């Protein structure tokens, strides 16, 4: 029983002797995350990769390029999703505004005398102006976010 135990221990030690470790740095910048062999900024975090396969070599410099490309594609994917969500939000805002304006205009279709009608027309036009004003304000912020996302997407796709 001692012989198999000794063989097992020797096997584990031989595996550990063939293990290779490689360190790399992950840096967060304004353009995204960059993986590098050397610290590329003050906030760089060090990560290690350990391979225990004796036939496997340590990853080459291409490994860092692969990690950078993966991160870039993830950022592009997230930006496209955010852009699609903002366009959807824009469509929802347009539908809500159209619905509110239509509800206000429906008030004019009711039968009423001239004095009452003039008063209602003034109220409705005032309300529609307020609706349009708030809609323009919301759309301006949304358009700003959309243009920012489009610029970011353009920067990463090139």
N, C-alpha and C. Protein backbone atom coordinates (compact mmCIF):
# COMPACT_ATOMS: atom_id res chain seq x y z
N UNK A 1 0.82 -1.20 0.00
CA UNK A 1 0.00 0.00 0.00
C UNK A 1 0.87 1.27 0.00
N UNK A 2 2.08 1.14 0.52
CA UNK A 2 2.97 2.29 0.53
C UNK A 2 3.49 2.62 -0.87
N UNK A 3 3.65 1.61 -1.69
CA UNK A 3 4.18 1.83 -3.03
C UNK A 3 3.24 2.69 -3.89
N UNK A 4 1.92 2.40 -3.94
CA UNK A 4 1.04 3.28 -4.73
C UNK A 4 1.00 4.71 -4.20
N UNK A 5 1.09 4.87 -2.89
CA UNK A 5 1.08 6.21 -2.30
C UNK A 5 2.33 6.98 -2.74
N UNK A 6 3.48 6.30 -2.73
CA UNK A 6 4.72 6.95 -3.16
C UNK A 6 4.65 7.31 -4.64
N UNK A 7 4.10 6.42 -5.45
CA UNK A 7 3.98 6.70 -6.88
C UNK A 7 3.06 7.90 -7.13
N UNK A 8 1.98 7.95 -6.37
CA UNK A 8 1.04 9.06 -6.51
C UNK A 8 1.70 10.39 -6.14
N UNK A 9 2.44 10.40 -5.04
CA UNK A 9 3.14 11.62 -4.63
C UNK A 9 4.19 12.04 -5.67
N UNK A 10 4.92 11.08 -6.21
CA UNK A 10 5.92 11.40 -7.23
C UNK A 10 5.25 11.97 -8.48
N UNK A 11 4.09 11.44 -8.81
CA UNK A 11 3.36 11.94 -9.97
C UNK A 11 2.95 13.40 -9.78
N UNK A 12 2.42 13.73 -8.59
CA UNK A 12 2.01 15.11 -8.32
C UNK A 12 3.20 16.07 -8.32
N UNK A 13 4.33 15.62 -7.77
CA UNK A 13 5.51 16.48 -7.78
C UNK A 13 6.03 16.70 -9.19
N UNK A 14 5.95 15.67 -10.02
CA UNK A 14 6.42 15.83 -11.40
C UNK A 14 5.50 16.78 -12.17
N UNK A 15 4.20 16.75 -11.87
CA UNK A 15 3.28 17.69 -12.52
C UNK A 15 3.60 19.11 -12.11
N UNK A 16 3.87 19.30 -10.85
CA UNK A 16 4.15 20.63 -10.33
C UNK A 16 5.45 21.18 -10.92
N UNK A 17 6.40 20.31 -11.20
CA UNK A 17 7.68 20.75 -11.77
C UNK A 17 7.50 21.24 -13.20
N UNK A 18 6.54 20.71 -13.92
CA UNK A 18 6.31 21.10 -15.31
C UNK A 18 5.34 22.27 -15.44
N UNK A 19 4.83 22.75 -14.36
CA UNK A 19 3.86 23.84 -14.42
C UNK A 19 4.57 25.14 -14.80
N UNK A 20 3.95 25.91 -15.66
CA UNK A 20 4.48 27.20 -16.07
C UNK A 20 3.49 28.29 -15.66
N UNK A 21 4.03 29.40 -15.19
CA UNK A 21 3.16 30.52 -14.84
C UNK A 21 3.57 31.73 -15.64
N UNK A 22 2.58 32.47 -16.05
CA UNK A 22 2.80 33.70 -16.81
C UNK A 22 1.96 34.78 -16.15
N UNK A 23 2.53 35.95 -15.99
CA UNK A 23 1.77 37.06 -15.42
C UNK A 23 1.48 38.07 -16.52
N UNK A 24 0.32 38.71 -16.39
CA UNK A 24 -0.04 39.78 -17.31
C UNK A 24 -0.77 40.85 -16.51
N UNK A 25 -0.90 42.02 -17.08
CA UNK A 25 -1.52 43.14 -16.41
C UNK A 25 -2.79 43.55 -17.14
N UNK A 26 -3.79 43.92 -16.37
CA UNK A 26 -5.07 44.38 -16.91
C UNK A 26 -5.22 45.84 -16.50
N UNK A 27 -5.31 46.73 -17.49
CA UNK A 27 -5.40 48.17 -17.24
C UNK A 27 -6.73 48.69 -17.75
N UNK A 28 -7.40 49.50 -16.95
CA UNK A 28 -8.65 50.12 -17.37
C UNK A 28 -8.35 51.55 -17.80
N UNK A 29 -8.68 51.87 -19.05
CA UNK A 29 -8.47 53.21 -19.58
C UNK A 29 -9.80 53.78 -20.03
N UNK A 30 -9.78 55.01 -20.53
CA UNK A 30 -11.02 55.62 -21.01
C UNK A 30 -11.53 54.95 -22.28
N UNK A 31 -10.68 54.25 -22.99
CA UNK A 31 -11.08 53.57 -24.23
C UNK A 31 -11.44 52.11 -23.99
N UNK A 32 -11.37 51.64 -22.75
CA UNK A 32 -11.72 50.26 -22.45
C UNK A 32 -10.64 49.60 -21.61
N UNK A 33 -10.61 48.28 -21.67
CA UNK A 33 -9.66 47.51 -20.89
C UNK A 33 -8.56 47.02 -21.82
N UNK A 34 -7.31 47.14 -21.35
CA UNK A 34 -6.15 46.73 -22.14
C UNK A 34 -5.38 45.68 -21.33
N UNK A 35 -4.98 44.61 -21.99
CA UNK A 35 -4.15 43.58 -21.37
C UNK A 35 -2.73 43.75 -21.90
N UNK A 36 -1.74 43.67 -21.00
CA UNK A 36 -0.37 43.93 -21.40
C UNK A 36 0.59 43.08 -20.57
N UNK A 37 1.84 42.94 -21.09
CA UNK A 37 2.87 42.23 -20.34
C UNK A 37 3.41 43.10 -19.21
N UNK A 38 3.35 44.40 -19.38
CA UNK A 38 3.90 45.33 -18.42
C UNK A 38 2.80 46.24 -17.90
N UNK A 39 2.94 46.80 -16.70
CA UNK A 39 1.91 47.71 -16.18
C UNK A 39 1.76 48.91 -17.11
N UNK A 40 0.54 49.15 -17.56
CA UNK A 40 0.33 50.22 -18.52
C UNK A 40 -0.31 51.45 -17.89
N UNK A 41 -0.71 51.38 -16.64
CA UNK A 41 -1.24 52.56 -15.95
C UNK A 41 -1.10 52.34 -14.44
N UNK A 42 -1.47 53.37 -13.69
CA UNK A 42 -1.35 53.28 -12.24
C UNK A 42 -2.34 52.29 -11.64
N UNK A 43 -3.47 52.08 -12.30
CA UNK A 43 -4.49 51.18 -11.76
C UNK A 43 -4.40 49.77 -12.35
N UNK A 44 -3.23 49.38 -12.83
CA UNK A 44 -3.05 48.05 -13.44
C UNK A 44 -3.15 46.97 -12.37
N UNK A 45 -3.86 45.90 -12.70
CA UNK A 45 -3.95 44.76 -11.78
C UNK A 45 -3.22 43.59 -12.42
N UNK A 46 -2.48 42.87 -11.58
CA UNK A 46 -1.67 41.77 -12.08
C UNK A 46 -2.47 40.47 -11.97
N UNK A 47 -2.44 39.67 -13.04
CA UNK A 47 -3.11 38.38 -13.08
C UNK A 47 -2.09 37.33 -13.51
N UNK A 48 -2.29 36.10 -13.08
CA UNK A 48 -1.38 35.03 -13.47
C UNK A 48 -2.14 33.92 -14.15
N UNK A 49 -1.47 33.28 -15.09
CA UNK A 49 -2.01 32.11 -15.78
C UNK A 49 -1.03 30.97 -15.51
N UNK A 50 -1.54 29.85 -15.02
CA UNK A 50 -0.70 28.70 -14.75
C UNK A 50 -1.11 27.56 -15.65
N UNK A 51 -0.14 27.00 -16.36
CA UNK A 51 -0.42 25.83 -17.20
C UNK A 51 0.30 24.65 -16.59
N UNK A 52 -0.38 23.52 -16.49
CA UNK A 52 0.24 22.34 -15.90
C UNK A 52 0.51 21.26 -16.93
N UNK A 53 0.12 21.48 -18.15
CA UNK A 53 0.38 20.51 -19.21
C UNK A 53 1.84 20.63 -19.62
N UNK A 54 2.60 19.55 -19.55
CA UNK A 54 4.03 19.65 -19.88
C UNK A 54 4.27 19.99 -21.35
N UNK A 55 3.34 19.66 -22.22
CA UNK A 55 3.51 19.95 -23.64
C UNK A 55 3.09 21.37 -24.00
N UNK A 56 2.31 21.99 -23.14
CA UNK A 56 1.81 23.33 -23.43
C UNK A 56 2.86 24.37 -23.07
N UNK A 57 3.02 25.31 -23.95
CA UNK A 57 3.94 26.42 -23.70
C UNK A 57 3.17 27.59 -23.12
N UNK A 58 3.90 28.52 -22.54
CA UNK A 58 3.27 29.72 -22.02
C UNK A 58 2.70 30.52 -23.19
N UNK A 59 1.60 31.23 -22.97
CA UNK A 59 1.02 32.02 -24.06
C UNK A 59 2.00 33.07 -24.55
N UNK A 60 2.01 33.29 -25.84
CA UNK A 60 2.91 34.28 -26.42
C UNK A 60 2.29 35.66 -26.32
N UNK A 61 2.92 36.62 -26.97
CA UNK A 61 2.39 37.98 -26.98
C UNK A 61 1.04 38.04 -27.68
N UNK A 62 0.79 37.09 -28.57
CA UNK A 62 -0.49 37.06 -29.27
C UNK A 62 -1.64 36.88 -28.29
N UNK A 63 -1.35 36.30 -27.13
CA UNK A 63 -2.39 36.10 -26.13
C UNK A 63 -2.97 37.44 -25.68
N UNK A 64 -2.11 38.43 -25.49
CA UNK A 64 -2.57 39.75 -25.07
C UNK A 64 -3.42 40.40 -26.15
N UNK A 65 -3.00 40.19 -27.38
CA UNK A 65 -3.78 40.75 -28.49
C UNK A 65 -5.15 40.09 -28.56
N UNK A 66 -5.20 38.80 -28.29
CA UNK A 66 -6.48 38.09 -28.30
C UNK A 66 -7.38 38.61 -27.20
N UNK A 67 -6.82 38.80 -26.00
CA UNK A 67 -7.63 39.34 -24.89
C UNK A 67 -8.14 40.74 -25.22
N UNK A 68 -7.28 41.57 -25.83
CA UNK A 68 -7.71 42.92 -26.22
C UNK A 68 -8.83 42.87 -27.25
N UNK A 69 -8.72 41.97 -28.22
CA UNK A 69 -9.77 41.84 -29.24
C UNK A 69 -11.08 41.35 -28.64
N UNK A 70 -11.00 40.42 -27.71
CA UNK A 70 -12.22 39.92 -27.05
C UNK A 70 -12.89 41.04 -26.28
N UNK A 71 -12.10 41.80 -25.53
CA UNK A 71 -12.66 42.92 -24.76
C UNK A 71 -13.28 43.96 -25.69
N UNK A 72 -12.62 44.24 -26.82
CA UNK A 72 -13.13 45.20 -27.79
C UNK A 72 -14.47 44.74 -28.37
N UNK A 73 -14.56 43.47 -28.72
CA UNK A 73 -15.83 42.96 -29.27
C UNK A 73 -16.94 42.99 -28.22
N UNK A 74 -16.59 42.74 -26.96
CA UNK A 74 -17.60 42.83 -25.91
C UNK A 74 -18.09 44.26 -25.73
N UNK A 75 -17.19 45.22 -25.81
CA UNK A 75 -17.58 46.63 -25.69
C UNK A 75 -18.47 47.02 -26.86
N UNK A 76 -18.12 46.57 -28.07
CA UNK A 76 -18.94 46.87 -29.25
C UNK A 76 -20.33 46.28 -29.08
N UNK A 77 -20.40 45.05 -28.60
CA UNK A 77 -21.69 44.37 -28.42
C UNK A 77 -22.54 45.11 -27.39
N UNK A 78 -21.93 45.48 -26.25
CA UNK A 78 -22.67 46.21 -25.21
C UNK A 78 -23.14 47.57 -25.71
N UNK A 79 -22.30 48.25 -26.49
CA UNK A 79 -22.66 49.56 -27.02
C UNK A 79 -23.81 49.45 -28.01
N UNK A 80 -23.78 48.41 -28.85
CA UNK A 80 -24.89 48.21 -29.80
C UNK A 80 -26.19 47.93 -29.06
N UNK A 81 -26.13 47.14 -27.98
CA UNK A 81 -27.33 46.87 -27.20
C UNK A 81 -27.86 48.16 -26.55
N UNK A 82 -26.96 48.97 -26.00
CA UNK A 82 -27.37 50.22 -25.38
C UNK A 82 -27.96 51.17 -26.41
N UNK A 83 -27.37 51.20 -27.60
CA UNK A 83 -27.88 52.05 -28.68
C UNK A 83 -29.27 51.62 -29.10
N UNK A 84 -29.47 50.32 -29.22
CA UNK A 84 -30.79 49.81 -29.59
C UNK A 84 -31.82 50.15 -28.50
N UNK A 85 -31.42 50.06 -27.24
CA UNK A 85 -32.32 50.40 -26.14
C UNK A 85 -32.69 51.88 -26.17
N UNK A 86 -31.73 52.74 -26.49
CA UNK A 86 -32.02 54.18 -26.56
C UNK A 86 -32.96 54.50 -27.71
N UNK A 87 -32.79 53.83 -28.85
CA UNK A 87 -33.71 54.04 -29.97
C UNK A 87 -35.11 53.56 -29.60
N UNK A 88 -35.18 52.47 -28.86
CA UNK A 88 -36.48 51.97 -28.41
C UNK A 88 -37.13 52.97 -27.43
N UNK A 89 -36.32 53.52 -26.54
CA UNK A 89 -36.82 54.52 -25.59
C UNK A 89 -37.32 55.76 -26.34
N UNK A 90 -36.63 56.12 -27.41
CA UNK A 90 -37.04 57.26 -28.24
C UNK A 90 -38.40 57.00 -28.87
N UNK A 91 -38.60 55.80 -29.39
CA UNK A 91 -39.89 55.44 -29.99
C UNK A 91 -41.01 55.46 -28.94
N UNK A 92 -40.71 55.01 -27.74
CA UNK A 92 -41.71 55.02 -26.66
C UNK A 92 -42.09 56.46 -26.31
N UNK A 93 -41.09 57.35 -26.21
CA UNK A 93 -41.37 58.76 -25.92
C UNK A 93 -42.25 59.38 -27.00
N UNK A 94 -41.97 59.07 -28.26
CA UNK A 94 -42.78 59.60 -29.35
C UNK A 94 -44.22 59.09 -29.26
N UNK A 95 -44.39 57.82 -28.95
CA UNK A 95 -45.74 57.27 -28.82
C UNK A 95 -46.49 57.90 -27.65
N UNK A 96 -45.81 58.12 -26.53
CA UNK A 96 -46.47 58.74 -25.38
C UNK A 96 -46.89 60.17 -25.70
N UNK A 97 -46.02 60.91 -26.39
CA UNK A 97 -46.37 62.28 -26.76
C UNK A 97 -47.56 62.30 -27.71
N UNK A 98 -47.53 61.44 -28.72
CA UNK A 98 -48.64 61.38 -29.67
C UNK A 98 -49.95 61.02 -28.98
N UNK A 99 -49.88 60.11 -28.03
CA UNK A 99 -51.07 59.70 -27.29
C UNK A 99 -51.62 60.86 -26.45
N UNK A 100 -50.72 61.59 -25.77
CA UNK A 100 -51.15 62.72 -24.94
C UNK A 100 -51.75 63.83 -25.80
N UNK A 101 -51.14 64.12 -26.94
CA UNK A 101 -51.67 65.15 -27.84
C UNK A 101 -53.03 64.73 -28.38
N UNK A 102 -53.15 63.47 -28.74
CA UNK A 102 -54.43 62.97 -29.27
C UNK A 102 -55.53 63.06 -28.20
N UNK A 103 -55.18 62.74 -26.96
CA UNK A 103 -56.17 62.84 -25.88
C UNK A 103 -56.62 64.28 -25.68
N UNK A 104 -55.68 65.22 -25.78
CA UNK A 104 -56.04 66.64 -25.63
C UNK A 104 -56.90 67.10 -26.81
N UNK A 105 -56.58 66.66 -28.00
CA UNK A 105 -57.36 67.08 -29.17
C UNK A 105 -58.75 66.46 -29.17
N UNK A 106 -58.90 65.32 -28.53
CA UNK A 106 -60.23 64.70 -28.43
C UNK A 106 -61.19 65.56 -27.61
N UNK A 107 -60.65 66.39 -26.73
CA UNK A 107 -61.51 67.27 -25.93
C UNK A 107 -62.22 68.30 -26.81
N UNK A 108 -61.63 68.62 -27.96
CA UNK A 108 -62.22 69.62 -28.86
C UNK A 108 -63.39 69.07 -29.67
N UNK A 109 -63.52 67.77 -29.74
CA UNK A 109 -64.58 67.18 -30.57
C UNK A 109 -65.93 67.15 -29.88
N UNK A 110 -65.96 67.46 -28.60
CA UNK A 110 -67.23 67.44 -27.87
C UNK A 110 -68.07 68.66 -28.22
N UNK A 111 -69.37 68.50 -28.11
CA UNK A 111 -70.29 69.62 -28.37
C UNK A 111 -70.28 70.58 -27.19
N UNK A 112 -70.15 71.90 -27.49
CA UNK A 112 -70.18 72.92 -26.45
C UNK A 112 -70.46 74.28 -27.09
N UNK A 113 -70.86 75.24 -26.27
CA UNK A 113 -71.14 76.56 -26.81
C UNK A 113 -69.84 77.30 -27.13
N UNK A 114 -69.94 78.47 -27.79
CA UNK A 114 -68.77 79.18 -28.30
C UNK A 114 -67.83 79.66 -27.19
N UNK A 115 -68.40 80.21 -26.11
CA UNK A 115 -67.54 80.70 -25.03
C UNK A 115 -66.75 79.55 -24.40
N UNK A 116 -67.44 78.50 -24.13
CA UNK A 116 -66.79 77.32 -23.54
C UNK A 116 -65.75 76.75 -24.51
N UNK A 117 -66.08 76.75 -25.79
CA UNK A 117 -65.18 76.20 -26.81
C UNK A 117 -63.86 77.00 -26.87
N UNK A 118 -63.96 78.35 -26.83
CA UNK A 118 -62.76 79.19 -26.86
C UNK A 118 -61.86 78.90 -25.65
N UNK A 119 -62.50 78.75 -24.50
CA UNK A 119 -61.76 78.47 -23.27
C UNK A 119 -61.05 77.11 -23.37
N UNK A 120 -61.77 76.11 -23.87
CA UNK A 120 -61.19 74.77 -24.00
C UNK A 120 -60.07 74.76 -25.03
N UNK A 121 -60.25 75.51 -26.14
CA UNK A 121 -59.20 75.58 -27.17
C UNK A 121 -57.93 76.18 -26.58
N UNK A 122 -58.05 77.24 -25.78
CA UNK A 122 -56.89 77.85 -25.14
C UNK A 122 -56.20 76.86 -24.19
N UNK A 123 -57.01 76.15 -23.40
CA UNK A 123 -56.45 75.17 -22.47
C UNK A 123 -55.73 74.04 -23.21
N UNK A 124 -56.37 73.58 -24.28
CA UNK A 124 -55.79 72.47 -25.04
C UNK A 124 -54.49 72.89 -25.71
N UNK A 125 -54.47 74.08 -26.33
CA UNK A 125 -53.23 74.52 -26.98
C UNK A 125 -52.12 74.74 -25.95
N UNK A 126 -52.49 75.25 -24.78
CA UNK A 126 -51.51 75.45 -23.71
C UNK A 126 -50.95 74.09 -23.26
N UNK A 127 -51.83 73.13 -23.09
CA UNK A 127 -51.43 71.79 -22.65
C UNK A 127 -50.55 71.11 -23.71
N UNK A 128 -50.92 71.26 -24.99
CA UNK A 128 -50.14 70.65 -26.07
C UNK A 128 -48.74 71.28 -26.14
N UNK A 129 -48.66 72.60 -25.94
CA UNK A 129 -47.36 73.25 -25.92
C UNK A 129 -46.50 72.72 -24.77
N UNK A 130 -47.13 72.52 -23.61
CA UNK A 130 -46.39 71.98 -22.46
C UNK A 130 -45.91 70.55 -22.74
N UNK A 131 -46.77 69.77 -23.38
CA UNK A 131 -46.40 68.38 -23.73
C UNK A 131 -45.23 68.39 -24.70
N UNK A 132 -45.33 69.24 -25.73
CA UNK A 132 -44.25 69.32 -26.72
C UNK A 132 -42.94 69.82 -26.11
N UNK A 133 -43.05 70.77 -25.18
CA UNK A 133 -41.86 71.31 -24.53
C UNK A 133 -41.15 70.23 -23.72
N UNK A 134 -41.91 69.48 -22.94
CA UNK A 134 -41.29 68.41 -22.15
C UNK A 134 -40.75 67.30 -23.05
N UNK A 135 -41.45 67.06 -24.16
CA UNK A 135 -40.99 66.04 -25.11
C UNK A 135 -39.67 66.45 -25.75
N UNK A 136 -39.57 67.71 -26.15
CA UNK A 136 -38.33 68.20 -26.77
C UNK A 136 -37.17 68.10 -25.77
N UNK A 137 -37.44 68.43 -24.51
CA UNK A 137 -36.40 68.37 -23.48
C UNK A 137 -35.92 66.93 -23.29
N UNK A 138 -36.87 65.99 -23.22
CA UNK A 138 -36.51 64.58 -23.05
C UNK A 138 -35.77 64.05 -24.28
N UNK A 139 -36.22 64.46 -25.46
CA UNK A 139 -35.60 63.99 -26.70
C UNK A 139 -34.18 64.55 -26.86
N UNK A 140 -33.97 65.77 -26.40
CA UNK A 140 -32.65 66.38 -26.51
C UNK A 140 -31.63 65.57 -25.71
N UNK A 141 -31.99 65.21 -24.48
CA UNK A 141 -31.09 64.39 -23.67
C UNK A 141 -30.86 63.02 -24.27
N UNK A 142 -31.93 62.44 -24.80
CA UNK A 142 -31.84 61.12 -25.42
C UNK A 142 -30.97 61.15 -26.68
N UNK A 143 -31.15 62.19 -27.49
CA UNK A 143 -30.34 62.33 -28.71
C UNK A 143 -28.86 62.51 -28.36
N UNK A 144 -28.60 63.22 -27.27
CA UNK A 144 -27.22 63.41 -26.84
C UNK A 144 -26.60 62.06 -26.46
N UNK A 145 -27.34 61.25 -25.71
CA UNK A 145 -26.85 59.93 -25.32
C UNK A 145 -26.66 59.04 -26.55
N UNK A 146 -27.59 59.11 -27.50
CA UNK A 146 -27.48 58.30 -28.71
C UNK A 146 -26.24 58.70 -29.51
N UNK A 147 -26.01 60.00 -29.65
CA UNK A 147 -24.84 60.44 -30.42
C UNK A 147 -23.55 60.03 -29.72
N UNK A 148 -23.54 60.07 -28.38
CA UNK A 148 -22.37 59.64 -27.62
C UNK A 148 -22.10 58.15 -27.86
N UNK A 149 -23.17 57.34 -27.82
CA UNK A 149 -23.01 55.91 -28.05
C UNK A 149 -22.56 55.62 -29.48
N UNK A 150 -23.09 56.37 -30.45
CA UNK A 150 -22.68 56.17 -31.84
C UNK A 150 -21.21 56.53 -32.04
N UNK A 151 -20.75 57.60 -31.39
CA UNK A 151 -19.34 57.97 -31.49
C UNK A 151 -18.46 56.89 -30.87
N UNK A 152 -18.89 56.37 -29.72
CA UNK A 152 -18.13 55.32 -29.05
C UNK A 152 -18.06 54.07 -29.92
N UNK A 153 -19.20 53.72 -30.53
CA UNK A 153 -19.25 52.54 -31.40
C UNK A 153 -18.34 52.73 -32.61
N UNK A 154 -18.36 53.92 -33.18
CA UNK A 154 -17.53 54.22 -34.35
C UNK A 154 -16.05 54.12 -33.99
N UNK A 155 -15.70 54.61 -32.80
CA UNK A 155 -14.31 54.59 -32.34
C UNK A 155 -13.81 53.15 -32.17
N UNK A 156 -14.66 52.27 -31.64
CA UNK A 156 -14.23 50.89 -31.40
C UNK A 156 -14.29 50.02 -32.65
N UNK A 157 -15.17 50.35 -33.60
CA UNK A 157 -15.28 49.53 -34.80
C UNK A 157 -14.15 49.80 -35.79
N UNK A 158 -13.50 50.94 -35.69
CA UNK A 158 -12.39 51.24 -36.61
C UNK A 158 -11.11 50.61 -36.16
